[in-house]
Amino acid sequence: MTSNIELQAQANREVHNEEPLFRNWRDYFTFNTDHKVIAIQYLVTSFLFYLIGGSLATAMRTELATPDVDFVTRELYNGLLTVHGTVMIFLWIVPAGAGLANFLIPLMVGARDMAFPKLNAVAFWILPFGGLLLISSFFLEAPQAGWTSYPPLSILNAKVGQGIWIVSVLLLGTSSILGAINFLVTILRMRIPGMSINQMPLFCWSMMATSALILIGTPVLAGALILLAFDLIAGTAFFNPTGGGDPVVYQHLFWFYSHPAVYIMILPLFGAISEIIPVHSRKPIFGYRAIAYSSIAISFLGLIVWAHHMFTSGTPAWLRMFFMIATMVIAVPTGIKVFSWLATIWGGKLRLNSAMLFAMGFVSMFVVGGISGVMVASVPFDIHVHDTYFIVAHLHYVLFGGSVFGIYASLYHWFPKMTGRMMNEVWGYVHFALTFAGFNLTFLPMHELGLLGMNRRVAEYDPALAPLNLLCTIGSYLLAISTIPFLVNAIWSWLYGPLAGDNPWQALTLEWTTPSPPPAENFATTPVLAIGPYDYGMGNRNTEVDVPFSEAEDPALSAGPNSALRADPDPTKAAHSDDREG
């Protein structure tokens, strides 16, 4: 009896004739066109900005430990808040997703590289320059209008810092657009001949949806920021009410991008979680097409819900009703994903390693954020909690509990493939425990703070709310400490960790058929799809032996010969003798 894993490996012996490529560390500081190098550049750079953004958040929480302004000035607090939000969104979560996409997409679709390698490198190198430009505003005049930069506040205060903020976000948006073009073309045009669109790994589906959102939404934000720059520098009045402009128009333009930006951040991690859970559950993914098409549905619906951020901005009642319903409807495709993940986990042979723990943490925390999102989609409730800490809690449960937990899950899962070495699981468990505890201690009490009426984006508050705020601050310190075991683990494992082998998780997608780390051009010849990407058999639950698809009778258990995901084998290269010609 031959397992699915062995069949996939046998079918791709010809593509696997090179030794792993261990690069010189200097390669990662050059203009390199290898998508794997660019991926590492993205991931390391974005994580460094994450540490900076986290430091800013810790300073904010230190100020908020007491009701009075006693750690930083009000102006500095506003600057910390503005740069923190911008760094975490545009320099951490979005680039980290792009880093994962850079590494995985060519390997998953069987390509030698991205469609446009030089454009790919340019997209990355814009990132550090844009980030350093943003950070430099602190040494001149930090922007103070929040990461939303609503006029007229953004055109009246800290004009130098605000101008720097606009230029840096325009640069980062350009990087995002260039990356999206590459991802989309690579997925649509560079798949191996045997891989139809309904046989792609789910990560590729999520990146298709993400790229579409980037290409539609980002130019709108760029237009809004250019008009804002004219108001700031040239004295025009596109959004300045004193000259006849309308600041609400800016809100519409800003949120037309910035609510889809939530899905630009979370969709790549939806795809990553859809890859991680079946591998470590040893089960076929439940509802492949439902998960795939729900990514497209989220991408479409994400474009028509932006005004739920503006229920208190004078939006007419009939328009409020439309956006309330549309926002609630988007919970349907999201719920499909969550139920599919839970159905995949249910009854599986779970490996509770670091990657799986963070994946399950992702699902649980995102569900909490999703439920509070449905709550604030309701106009009557939103009017009461708008611009309170309830919104801060909701935002962070979606973006930290969702995106950041998903990034960590992805790093633990694909670290062996990226570096050729295994991470230490004990330190991984410590990292998960500290992150999970610190995150919930920081953000769970904020729901109560919001319901009690504490306004966000201010450095002072009612002394009666001090105990809950102190709890949040203690949690933020724990969250800051949680990054230490990950950093130590990642650096030590990259240098000295045990060799991983080609496929330490016994996974079925094509990236695991290459050496670890993959060679320069990924595959020696065009890879072969012997089976579908999620054809894991259930087998004997007490062993690690999979049911061979050639003998499995029940597609519900094995997703084998009757699976819609199984590619038609190449008759000249098929691994199984029954599929070969002659």
Protein backbone atom coordinates (compact mmCIF):
# COMPACT_ATOMS: atom_id res chain seq x y z
CA MET A 1 0.00 0.00 0.00
CA THR A 2 1.32 3.39 -1.03
CA SER A 3 0.30 6.54 0.81
CA ASN A 4 -0.85 9.72 -0.86
CA ILE A 5 2.34 11.45 0.27
CA GLU A 6 4.53 8.82 -1.36
CA LEU A 7 2.50 8.92 -4.56
CA GLN A 8 2.92 12.68 -4.85
CA ALA A 9 6.65 12.37 -4.16
CA GLN A 10 7.08 9.54 -6.69
CA ALA A 11 5.25 11.47 -9.37
CA ASN A 12 7.64 14.40 -8.89
CA ARG A 13 10.98 12.61 -8.66
CA GLU A 14 12.12 14.25 -11.89
CA VAL A 15 11.49 17.76 -10.59
CA HIS A 16 13.50 17.08 -7.46
CA ASN A 17 17.06 16.56 -8.65
CA GLU A 18 18.78 19.51 -7.00
CA GLU A 19 20.19 19.98 -3.56
CA PRO A 20 18.75 22.62 -1.24
CA LEU A 21 20.01 26.12 -1.92
CA PHE A 22 21.43 27.73 1.23
CA ARG A 23 22.07 31.36 0.29
CA ASN A 24 24.71 33.75 1.51
CA TRP A 25 23.25 36.24 3.99
CA ARG A 26 24.38 39.11 1.75
CA ASP A 27 21.82 38.04 -0.90
CA TYR A 28 19.04 39.33 1.32
CA PHE A 29 20.43 42.88 1.22
CA THR A 30 20.62 43.10 -2.57
CA PHE A 31 18.27 43.79 -5.48
CA ASN A 32 17.51 40.10 -5.98
CA THR A 33 14.84 38.87 -8.38
CA ASP A 34 14.35 35.41 -6.82
CA HIS A 35 10.85 35.37 -5.37
CA LYS A 36 12.01 33.36 -2.35
CA VAL A 37 14.65 35.96 -1.44
CA ILE A 38 12.11 38.74 -1.89
CA ALA A 39 9.68 36.84 0.34
CA ILE A 40 12.25 36.67 3.17
CA GLN A 41 13.03 40.36 2.64
CA TYR A 42 9.33 41.18 2.97
CA LEU A 43 8.85 39.04 6.08
CA VAL A 44 11.94 40.23 7.96
CA THR A 45 11.40 43.91 7.08
CA SER A 46 7.73 43.83 8.02
CA PHE A 47 8.54 42.11 11.32
CA LEU A 48 11.07 44.84 12.16
CA PHE A 49 8.36 47.43 11.54
CA TYR A 50 6.04 45.31 13.71
CA LEU A 51 8.51 45.69 16.56
CA ILE A 52 8.55 49.46 16.00
CA GLY A 53 4.75 49.64 15.84
CA GLY A 54 4.49 47.48 18.94
CA SER A 55 6.88 49.77 20.80
CA LEU A 56 4.67 52.74 19.93
CA ALA A 57 1.61 50.83 21.17
CA THR A 58 3.38 49.97 24.44
CA ALA A 59 4.18 53.66 24.96
CA MET A 60 0.50 54.51 24.36
CA ARG A 61 -0.68 51.86 26.82
CA THR A 62 1.84 53.12 29.40
CA GLU A 63 0.25 56.55 29.11
CA LEU A 64 -3.23 55.03 29.44
CA ALA A 65 -2.33 53.10 32.61
CA THR A 66 -3.44 56.20 34.53
CA PRO A 67 -6.25 58.67 33.73
CA ASP A 68 -3.90 61.69 33.64
CA VAL A 69 -1.37 62.81 31.04
CA ASP A 70 1.81 61.84 32.89
CA PHE A 71 4.03 59.81 30.53
CA VAL A 72 3.87 61.59 27.15
CA THR A 73 2.36 64.89 26.06
CA ARG A 74 -1.03 65.02 24.35
CA GLU A 75 0.65 65.98 21.07
CA LEU A 76 3.14 63.12 21.28
CA TYR A 77 0.31 60.72 22.14
CA ASN A 78 -1.49 61.77 18.96
CA GLY A 79 1.70 61.19 16.99
CA LEU A 80 2.22 57.76 18.56
CA LEU A 81 -1.35 56.80 17.73
CA THR A 82 -1.10 57.98 14.11
CA VAL A 83 2.21 56.30 13.31
CA HIS A 84 1.30 53.11 15.24
CA GLY A 85 -1.84 52.55 13.18
CA THR A 86 -0.11 53.32 9.89
CA VAL A 87 2.89 51.11 10.63
CA MET A 88 0.82 48.13 11.73
CA ILE A 89 -1.42 48.23 8.66
CA PHE A 90 0.80 49.37 5.80
CA LEU A 91 4.19 48.16 7.06
CA TRP A 92 3.40 44.96 8.96
CA ILE A 93 0.24 43.06 8.07
CA VAL A 94 -0.07 43.97 4.37
CA PRO A 95 3.66 43.38 3.58
CA ALA A 96 3.73 40.18 5.65
CA GLY A 97 0.85 38.83 3.53
CA ALA A 98 2.77 39.89 0.42
CA GLY A 99 5.84 38.07 1.74
CA LEU A 100 3.91 34.82 2.17
CA ALA A 101 2.39 35.24 -1.30
CA ASN A 102 5.80 35.85 -2.82
CA PHE A 103 7.20 32.66 -1.39
CA LEU A 104 4.22 30.38 -1.92
CA ILE A 105 2.43 31.30 -5.14
CA PRO A 106 5.11 30.24 -7.68
CA LEU A 107 5.82 27.05 -5.73
CA MET A 108 2.13 26.21 -5.35
CA VAL A 109 1.29 26.67 -9.04
CA GLY A 110 4.47 24.97 -10.29
CA ALA A 111 6.18 28.11 -11.69
CA ARG A 112 9.92 28.87 -11.72
CA ASP A 113 9.40 32.45 -10.45
CA MET A 114 6.89 35.27 -10.42
CA ALA A 115 5.59 36.59 -13.73
CA PHE A 116 7.58 39.84 -13.41
CA PRO A 117 10.66 39.25 -11.24
CA LYS A 118 12.20 42.74 -11.54
CA LEU A 119 8.87 44.41 -10.83
CA ASN A 120 8.62 42.14 -7.81
CA ALA A 121 11.97 43.39 -6.48
CA VAL A 122 10.98 47.01 -7.10
CA ALA A 123 7.73 46.46 -5.17
CA PHE A 124 9.74 45.31 -2.16
CA TRP A 125 12.41 48.03 -2.19
CA ILE A 126 9.76 50.74 -2.14
CA LEU A 127 8.66 49.34 1.23
CA PRO A 128 11.68 50.13 3.47
CA PHE A 129 12.06 53.60 1.95
CA GLY A 130 8.39 54.39 2.54
CA GLY A 131 8.61 53.03 6.08
CA LEU A 132 11.76 54.96 6.99
CA LEU A 133 10.20 58.11 5.57
CA LEU A 134 7.17 57.63 7.84
CA ILE A 135 9.30 56.99 10.93
CA SER A 136 11.39 60.07 10.12
CA SER A 137 8.33 62.27 10.70
CA PHE A 138 8.90 61.80 14.45
CA PHE A 139 12.15 63.73 14.19
CA LEU A 140 10.50 66.61 12.35
CA GLU A 141 6.81 66.95 13.21
CA ALA A 142 4.83 63.76 13.82
CA PRO A 143 1.40 63.64 12.12
CA GLN A 144 -1.40 63.93 14.66
CA ALA A 145 -4.61 63.21 12.77
CA GLY A 146 -4.78 59.44 13.34
CA TRP A 147 -4.22 56.79 10.68
CA THR A 148 -7.43 57.95 8.97
CA SER A 149 -6.14 61.55 8.58
CA TYR A 150 -9.60 63.09 8.47
CA PRO A 151 -9.72 66.71 7.34
CA PRO A 152 -9.96 69.42 8.53
CA LEU A 153 -7.76 68.19 11.40
CA SER A 154 -5.16 66.78 9.03
CA ILE A 155 -4.76 70.09 7.16
CA LEU A 156 -4.56 72.30 10.25
CA ASN A 157 -2.01 70.56 12.51
CA ALA A 158 1.54 69.22 12.04
CA LYS A 159 1.64 70.06 8.34
CA VAL A 160 5.20 68.80 7.79
CA GLY A 161 4.48 65.46 9.43
CA GLN A 162 1.19 65.15 7.60
CA GLY A 163 2.89 65.78 4.26
CA ILE A 164 5.46 63.08 5.04
CA TRP A 165 2.63 60.73 6.04
CA ILE A 166 0.86 61.28 2.71
CA VAL A 167 4.01 60.65 0.65
CA SER A 168 4.89 57.50 2.61
CA VAL A 169 1.38 56.01 2.27
CA LEU A 170 1.39 56.79 -1.48
CA LEU A 171 4.72 54.93 -1.79
CA LEU A 172 3.42 51.95 0.19
CA GLY A 173 0.25 51.88 -1.91
CA THR A 174 2.36 51.82 -5.08
CA SER A 175 4.31 48.86 -3.71
CA SER A 176 1.04 47.08 -2.94
CA ILE A 177 -0.30 47.64 -6.49
CA LEU A 178 2.88 46.34 -8.14
CA GLY A 179 2.77 43.24 -5.96
CA ALA A 180 -0.91 42.62 -6.74
CA ILE A 181 -0.29 42.75 -10.51
CA ASN A 182 2.44 40.13 -10.10
CA PHE A 183 0.35 37.83 -7.93
CA LEU A 184 -2.65 37.97 -10.23
CA VAL A 185 -0.74 37.33 -13.46
CA THR A 186 1.30 34.51 -11.89
CA ILE A 187 -1.80 32.72 -10.62
CA LEU A 188 -3.81 33.14 -13.81
CA ARG A 189 -1.11 32.56 -16.43
CA MET A 190 1.69 30.45 -14.91
CA ARG A 191 -0.05 27.40 -13.45
CA ILE A 192 1.23 24.05 -14.69
CA PRO A 193 -0.86 22.60 -17.55
CA GLY A 194 -2.54 19.98 -15.37
CA MET A 195 -3.78 22.48 -12.75
CA SER A 196 -7.21 23.94 -13.48
CA ILE A 197 -8.46 26.91 -11.50
CA ASN A 198 -10.54 24.55 -9.34
CA GLN A 199 -7.44 22.53 -8.48
CA MET A 200 -5.39 25.41 -7.14
CA PRO A 201 -4.46 25.52 -3.47
CA LEU A 202 -6.86 27.72 -1.52
CA PHE A 203 -4.09 30.18 -0.71
CA CYS A 204 -3.97 31.07 -4.40
CA TRP A 205 -7.73 31.71 -4.41
CA SER A 206 -7.38 34.05 -1.45
CA MET A 207 -4.53 35.95 -3.16
CA MET A 208 -6.62 36.34 -6.32
CA ALA A 209 -9.35 37.97 -4.25
CA THR A 210 -6.81 40.09 -2.36
CA SER A 211 -5.11 41.30 -5.54
CA ALA A 212 -8.44 42.32 -7.07
CA LEU A 213 -9.26 44.38 -3.98
CA ILE A 214 -5.85 46.07 -4.06
CA LEU A 215 -6.12 46.98 -7.73
CA ILE A 216 -9.63 48.42 -7.35
CA GLY A 217 -9.33 50.14 -3.97
CA THR A 218 -5.78 51.49 -3.73
CA PRO A 219 -6.03 54.00 -6.64
CA VAL A 220 -9.09 55.54 -4.93
CA LEU A 221 -7.09 56.07 -1.72
CA ALA A 222 -4.22 57.51 -3.78
CA GLY A 223 -6.61 60.00 -5.39
CA ALA A 224 -7.98 61.05 -1.99
CA LEU A 225 -4.46 61.54 -0.57
CA ILE A 226 -3.32 63.60 -3.58
CA LEU A 227 -6.33 65.90 -3.17
CA LEU A 228 -5.60 66.10 0.57
CA ALA A 229 -2.00 67.04 -0.25
CA PHE A 230 -3.26 69.88 -2.45
CA ASP A 231 -5.41 71.15 0.43
CA LEU A 232 -2.43 70.88 2.77
CA ILE A 233 0.28 72.40 0.56
CA ALA A 234 -1.45 74.52 -2.09
CA GLY A 235 -4.37 75.81 -0.02
CA THR A 236 -7.10 74.32 -2.22
CA ALA A 237 -10.45 73.39 -0.69
CA PHE A 238 -11.38 69.93 -1.89
CA PHE A 239 -12.04 68.83 1.69
CA ASN A 240 -11.61 72.10 3.64
CA PRO A 241 -15.06 73.30 4.77
CA THR A 242 -13.85 76.91 5.21
CA GLY A 243 -13.34 77.10 1.44
CA GLY A 244 -16.49 75.21 0.48
CA GLY A 245 -14.97 71.72 0.53
CA ASP A 246 -16.65 68.68 2.06
CA PRO A 247 -14.67 66.55 4.54
CA VAL A 248 -17.29 63.80 4.27
CA VAL A 249 -16.24 63.24 0.64
CA TYR A 250 -12.76 62.39 1.93
CA GLN A 251 -14.32 59.88 4.33
CA HIS A 252 -16.11 58.17 1.45
CA LEU A 253 -12.93 57.98 -0.64
CA PHE A 254 -10.82 56.87 2.31
CA TRP A 255 -13.14 54.11 3.47
CA PHE A 256 -13.76 52.88 -0.07
CA TYR A 257 -10.19 51.61 0.20
CA SER A 258 -9.74 51.24 3.92
CA HIS A 259 -12.56 48.86 4.67
CA PRO A 260 -11.50 46.56 1.82
CA ALA A 261 -8.04 46.98 3.36
CA VAL A 262 -9.32 44.87 6.27
CA TYR A 263 -9.88 42.05 3.77
CA ILE A 264 -6.58 42.83 2.00
CA MET A 265 -4.98 42.07 5.37
CA ILE A 266 -7.09 39.09 6.41
CA LEU A 267 -7.75 37.24 3.11
CA PRO A 268 -4.14 36.04 2.62
CA LEU A 269 -4.28 34.61 6.12
CA PHE A 270 -7.67 32.99 5.40
CA GLY A 271 -5.87 31.20 2.58
CA ALA A 272 -2.92 30.25 4.78
CA ILE A 273 -5.20 28.84 7.48
CA SER A 274 -7.00 26.80 4.79
CA GLU A 275 -3.62 25.23 3.98
CA ILE A 276 -2.44 24.68 7.55
CA ILE A 277 -5.55 23.11 9.11
CA PRO A 278 -5.97 20.12 6.74
CA VAL A 279 -2.25 19.29 6.95
CA HIS A 280 -2.22 19.16 10.74
CA SER A 281 -5.69 17.61 10.99
CA ARG A 282 -4.75 14.90 8.45
CA LYS A 283 -8.10 15.37 6.75
CA PRO A 284 -9.27 16.71 3.40
CA ILE A 285 -10.40 20.31 3.57
CA PHE A 286 -14.16 20.46 4.04
CA GLY A 287 -15.92 22.36 1.24
CA TYR A 288 -13.07 23.29 -1.10
CA ARG A 289 -15.24 25.17 -3.57
CA ALA A 290 -17.26 26.85 -0.83
CA ILE A 291 -14.03 28.21 0.71
CA ALA A 292 -12.63 29.19 -2.70
CA TYR A 293 -15.74 30.99 -3.94
CA SER A 294 -16.36 32.63 -0.55
CA SER A 295 -13.01 34.45 -0.99
CA ILE A 296 -14.34 35.96 -4.23
CA ALA A 297 -17.65 36.80 -2.50
CA ILE A 298 -15.81 38.56 0.34
CA SER A 299 -13.77 40.50 -2.21
CA PHE A 300 -16.93 41.73 -3.97
CA LEU A 301 -18.97 42.45 -0.85
CA GLY A 302 -15.97 44.19 0.77
CA LEU A 303 -16.29 46.91 -1.87
CA ILE A 304 -19.89 47.83 -0.98
CA VAL A 305 -19.82 48.11 2.80
CA TRP A 306 -17.49 51.08 3.39
CA ALA A 307 -20.10 53.53 4.68
CA HIS A 308 -20.78 51.54 7.86
CA HIS A 309 -17.83 53.58 9.20
CA MET A 310 -19.92 56.69 8.59
CA PHE A 311 -23.22 55.96 10.32
CA THR A 312 -22.63 59.03 12.51
CA SER A 313 -21.46 61.28 9.64
CA GLY A 314 -24.89 62.42 8.52
CA THR A 315 -25.57 59.43 6.24
CA PRO A 316 -29.26 59.31 5.12
CA ALA A 317 -31.43 56.65 6.75
CA TRP A 318 -32.05 54.71 3.52
CA LEU A 319 -28.32 54.56 2.81
CA ARG A 320 -27.61 53.45 6.36
CA MET A 321 -30.06 50.60 5.84
CA PHE A 322 -28.31 49.47 2.65
CA PHE A 323 -24.85 49.45 4.22
CA MET A 324 -26.13 47.78 7.39
CA ILE A 325 -27.63 44.90 5.38
CA ALA A 326 -24.57 44.61 3.09
CA THR A 327 -22.25 44.48 6.10
CA MET A 328 -24.28 41.75 7.74
CA VAL A 329 -24.41 39.76 4.48
CA ILE A 330 -20.60 39.68 4.33
CA ALA A 331 -20.73 37.56 7.48
CA VAL A 332 -22.17 34.71 5.35
CA PRO A 333 -19.08 33.91 3.20
CA THR A 334 -16.90 34.50 6.25
CA GLY A 335 -19.03 32.08 8.26
CA ILE A 336 -18.71 29.51 5.47
CA LYS A 337 -14.94 29.58 5.92
CA VAL A 338 -15.13 29.27 9.70
CA PHE A 339 -17.57 26.34 9.58
CA SER A 340 -15.46 24.62 6.92
CA TRP A 341 -12.33 24.95 9.07
CA LEU A 342 -14.17 23.58 12.11
CA ALA A 343 -15.56 20.71 10.04
CA THR A 344 -12.03 19.92 8.86
CA ILE A 345 -10.71 19.89 12.43
CA TRP A 346 -13.64 17.81 13.71
CA GLY A 347 -12.65 14.17 13.99
CA GLY A 348 -9.17 14.70 12.57
CA LYS A 349 -5.88 13.32 13.81
CA LEU A 350 -4.76 16.66 15.23
CA ARG A 351 -1.13 17.58 15.60
CA LEU A 352 -1.19 20.30 18.24
CA ASN A 353 2.10 21.87 17.21
CA SER A 354 2.82 25.62 17.18
CA ALA A 355 1.42 26.15 13.69
CA MET A 356 -1.85 24.40 14.53
CA LEU A 357 -2.23 26.18 17.88
CA PHE A 358 -1.86 29.57 16.24
CA ALA A 359 -4.26 28.50 13.47
CA MET A 360 -6.89 27.49 16.03
CA GLY A 361 -6.18 30.71 17.95
CA PHE A 362 -6.74 32.58 14.70
CA VAL A 363 -10.16 30.97 14.19
CA SER A 364 -11.34 31.56 17.76
CA MET A 365 -10.14 35.17 17.99
CA PHE A 366 -11.44 36.05 14.54
CA VAL A 367 -14.87 34.68 15.47
CA VAL A 368 -14.99 37.03 18.47
CA GLY A 369 -14.01 39.94 16.23
CA GLY A 370 -16.53 38.87 13.61
CA ILE A 371 -19.40 38.72 16.12
CA SER A 372 -18.58 42.21 17.43
CA GLY A 373 -18.39 43.31 13.76
CA VAL A 374 -21.96 42.15 13.15
CA MET A 375 -22.95 44.05 16.30
CA VAL A 376 -21.43 47.36 15.11
CA ALA A 377 -22.96 46.80 11.66
CA SER A 378 -26.32 47.46 13.33
CA VAL A 379 -27.03 51.20 13.13
CA PRO A 380 -28.68 51.58 16.57
CA PHE A 381 -25.81 49.81 18.33
CA ASP A 382 -23.10 51.55 16.29
CA ILE A 383 -24.43 55.00 17.17
CA HIS A 384 -23.83 54.22 20.85
CA VAL A 385 -20.37 52.66 20.56
CA HIS A 386 -18.96 54.63 17.61
CA ASP A 387 -15.51 56.05 18.39
CA THR A 388 -15.37 54.22 21.72
CA TYR A 389 -13.00 51.50 22.86
CA PHE A 390 -15.53 48.91 21.74
CA ILE A 391 -14.39 49.70 18.19
CA VAL A 392 -10.74 49.42 19.25
CA ALA A 393 -11.47 45.96 20.68
CA HIS A 394 -13.32 44.86 17.54
CA LEU A 395 -10.55 46.14 15.27
CA HIS A 396 -7.80 44.34 17.16
CA TYR A 397 -9.68 41.05 17.48
CA VAL A 398 -10.01 41.03 13.70
CA LEU A 399 -6.55 42.33 12.80
CA PHE A 400 -4.36 41.09 15.65
CA GLY A 401 -6.41 38.09 16.72
CA GLY A 402 -6.97 37.34 13.06
CA SER A 403 -4.12 38.58 10.90
CA VAL A 404 -1.21 38.40 13.36
CA PHE A 405 -2.18 34.97 14.72
CA GLY A 406 -2.46 33.86 11.07
CA ILE A 407 0.99 35.27 10.24
CA TYR A 408 2.53 33.42 13.18
CA ALA A 409 0.76 30.18 12.17
CA SER A 410 2.12 30.59 8.64
CA LEU A 411 5.66 31.28 9.81
CA TYR A 412 5.72 28.17 12.01
CA HIS A 413 4.22 26.07 9.19
CA TRP A 414 6.43 27.21 6.29
CA PHE A 415 9.60 28.03 8.24
CA PRO A 416 11.04 24.55 7.48
CA LYS A 417 10.47 25.08 3.76
CA MET A 418 11.90 28.62 3.80
CA THR A 419 15.03 27.86 5.81
CA GLY A 420 15.50 24.09 5.65
CA ARG A 421 15.40 23.87 9.45
CA MET A 422 12.78 23.09 12.10
CA MET A 423 11.71 25.51 14.78
CA ASN A 424 11.78 24.52 18.44
CA GLU A 425 8.28 23.46 19.48
CA VAL A 426 8.73 24.14 23.21
CA TRP A 427 9.53 27.78 22.53
CA GLY A 428 6.63 27.80 20.09
CA TYR A 429 4.26 26.69 22.86
CA VAL A 430 5.63 29.40 25.17
CA HIS A 431 5.17 31.97 22.41
CA PHE A 432 1.57 30.91 21.80
CA ALA A 433 0.65 30.89 25.50
CA LEU A 434 2.09 34.37 26.11
CA THR A 435 0.54 35.79 22.93
CA PHE A 436 -2.90 34.30 23.58
CA ALA A 437 -2.97 35.40 27.23
CA GLY A 438 -1.49 38.85 26.54
CA PHE A 439 -3.80 39.52 23.63
CA ASN A 440 -7.01 38.67 25.49
CA LEU A 441 -5.88 40.50 28.63
CA THR A 442 -5.20 43.60 26.52
CA PHE A 443 -8.25 43.75 24.28
CA LEU A 444 -11.09 41.84 25.95
CA PRO A 445 -11.64 44.51 28.67
CA MET A 446 -11.85 47.15 25.94
CA HIS A 447 -15.33 45.92 25.04
CA GLU A 448 -16.47 46.87 28.53
CA LEU A 449 -14.58 50.18 28.37
CA GLY A 450 -16.40 51.02 25.15
CA LEU A 451 -19.81 50.14 26.60
CA LEU A 452 -18.97 52.39 29.56
CA GLY A 453 -18.36 55.25 27.15
CA MET A 454 -14.56 55.59 27.02
CA ASN A 455 -13.62 57.51 23.87
CA ARG A 456 -10.77 56.24 21.74
CA ARG A 457 -7.82 58.33 20.49
CA VAL A 458 -7.53 60.41 23.65
CA ALA A 459 -4.85 60.31 26.32
CA GLU A 460 -7.16 61.18 29.24
CA TYR A 461 -10.26 59.46 30.56
CA ASP A 462 -12.66 59.15 33.49
CA PRO A 463 -10.74 57.97 36.63
CA ALA A 464 -13.50 55.41 37.26
CA LEU A 465 -12.19 53.48 34.24
CA ALA A 466 -8.61 53.27 35.57
CA PRO A 467 -8.72 49.62 36.85
CA LEU A 468 -9.78 48.22 33.46
CA ASN A 469 -7.19 50.36 31.67
CA LEU A 470 -4.46 49.15 34.01
CA LEU A 471 -5.46 45.57 33.15
CA CYS A 472 -5.17 46.39 29.44
CA THR A 473 -1.73 47.92 29.99
CA ILE A 474 -0.48 44.84 31.88
CA GLY A 475 -1.74 42.71 28.99
CA SER A 476 0.11 44.90 26.49
CA TYR A 477 3.38 44.36 28.40
CA LEU A 478 2.76 40.60 28.30
CA LEU A 479 2.09 40.89 24.57
CA ALA A 480 5.36 42.76 24.11
CA ILE A 481 7.24 40.07 26.06
CA SER A 482 5.64 37.36 23.87
CA THR A 483 7.71 38.43 20.85
CA ILE A 484 10.97 37.53 22.63
CA PRO A 485 10.60 33.70 22.54
CA PHE A 486 9.60 33.93 18.87
CA LEU A 487 12.61 36.05 17.95
CA VAL A 488 15.00 33.81 19.87
CA ASN A 489 13.42 30.68 18.38
CA ALA A 490 13.43 31.98 14.80
CA ILE A 491 17.04 33.22 14.84
CA TRP A 492 18.44 30.17 16.68
CA SER A 493 16.49 27.70 14.54
CA TRP A 494 17.54 29.37 11.27
CA LEU A 495 21.19 29.02 12.30
CA TYR A 496 21.29 25.81 14.33
CA GLY A 497 17.88 24.09 14.13
CA PRO A 498 17.62 20.44 13.06
CA LEU A 499 17.40 19.88 9.32
CA ALA A 500 13.79 19.71 8.21
CA GLY A 501 13.90 17.49 5.14
CA ASP A 502 11.74 18.13 2.11
CA ASN A 503 8.33 17.50 3.65
CA PRO A 504 8.35 17.43 7.46
CA TRP A 505 4.55 17.88 7.73
CA GLN A 506 3.70 15.22 5.11
CA ALA A 507 1.78 17.80 3.08
CA LEU A 508 0.50 17.42 -0.49
CA THR A 509 0.77 20.84 -2.15
CA LEU A 510 3.57 21.29 -4.68
CA GLU A 511 5.90 23.44 -2.57
CA TRP A 512 6.60 20.37 -0.43
CA THR A 513 7.89 18.39 -3.41
CA THR A 514 10.99 20.61 -3.63
CA PRO A 515 14.10 20.53 -1.43
CA SER A 516 14.11 22.73 1.69
CA PRO A 517 14.95 25.51 1.02
CA PRO A 518 13.94 25.29 -2.66
CA PRO A 519 16.58 25.64 -5.40
CA ALA A 520 16.99 28.83 -7.42
CA GLU A 521 14.39 27.97 -10.07
CA ASN A 522 12.18 25.80 -7.82
CA PHE A 523 11.65 22.82 -10.12
CA ALA A 524 14.02 20.98 -12.45
CA THR A 525 11.15 20.07 -14.77
CA THR A 526 7.43 20.82 -14.78
CA PRO A 527 5.86 19.19 -11.71
CA VAL A 528 3.05 16.64 -11.93
CA LEU A 529 -0.24 16.58 -10.03
CA ALA A 530 -0.69 12.98 -8.99
CA ILE A 531 -3.46 13.81 -6.51
CA GLY A 532 -5.35 16.84 -5.28
CA PRO A 533 -3.80 19.29 -2.80
CA TYR A 534 -6.00 18.09 0.09
CA ASP A 535 -6.34 14.37 -0.54
CA TYR A 536 -5.43 13.33 3.00
CA GLY A 537 -6.79 9.96 4.01
CA MET A 538 -8.21 9.28 7.46
CA GLY A 539 -6.62 5.86 7.90
CA ASN A 540 -6.16 4.32 11.29
CA ARG A 541 -6.46 7.13 13.79
CA ASN A 542 -3.87 5.53 16.01
CA THR A 543 -1.18 5.62 13.36
CA GLU A 544 0.32 8.09 10.92
CA VAL A 545 -0.58 5.90 7.91
CA ASP A 546 -2.87 7.48 5.34
CA VAL A 547 -5.49 5.61 3.32
CA PRO A 548 -4.09 5.22 -0.21
CA PHE A 549 -6.38 6.97 -2.63
CA SER A 550 -6.17 4.08 -5.13
CA GLU A 551 -7.97 1.81 -2.68
CA ALA A 552 -10.25 4.23 -0.86
CA GLU A 553 -13.92 3.76 -1.50
CA ASP A 554 -15.48 6.63 0.36
CA PRO A 555 -14.62 10.09 -1.06
CA ALA A 556 -16.07 11.70 2.04
CA LEU A 557 -13.27 10.14 4.05
CA SER A 558 -10.41 9.99 1.60
CA ALA A 559 -11.17 12.65 -1.01
CA GLY A 560 -9.39 10.29 -3.33
CA PRO A 561 -10.36 8.90 -6.71
CA ASN A 562 -13.71 10.65 -6.82
CA SER A 563 -12.43 13.98 -5.55
CA ALA A 564 -13.10 17.03 -7.67
CA LEU A 565 -9.63 18.18 -6.71
CA ARG A 566 -7.73 15.25 -8.20
CA ALA A 567 -5.91 16.17 -11.38
CA ASP A 568 -5.98 13.90 -14.38
CA PRO A 569 -2.61 12.13 -14.24
CA ASP A 570 -0.15 12.53 -17.07
CA PRO A 571 -0.27 9.05 -18.66
CA THR A 572 3.49 9.12 -19.29
CA LYS A 573 4.51 10.18 -15.78
CA ALA A 574 1.73 8.95 -13.52
CA ALA A 575 2.96 7.51 -10.26
CA HIS A 576 0.42 4.74 -10.06
CA SER A 577 0.87 1.88 -12.50
CA ASP A 578 -2.87 1.74 -13.27
CA ASP A 579 -2.71 5.29 -14.65
CA ARG A 580 0.28 4.74 -16.95
CA GLU A 581 0.09 4.03 -20.64
CA GLY A 582 1.77 0.89 -21.84
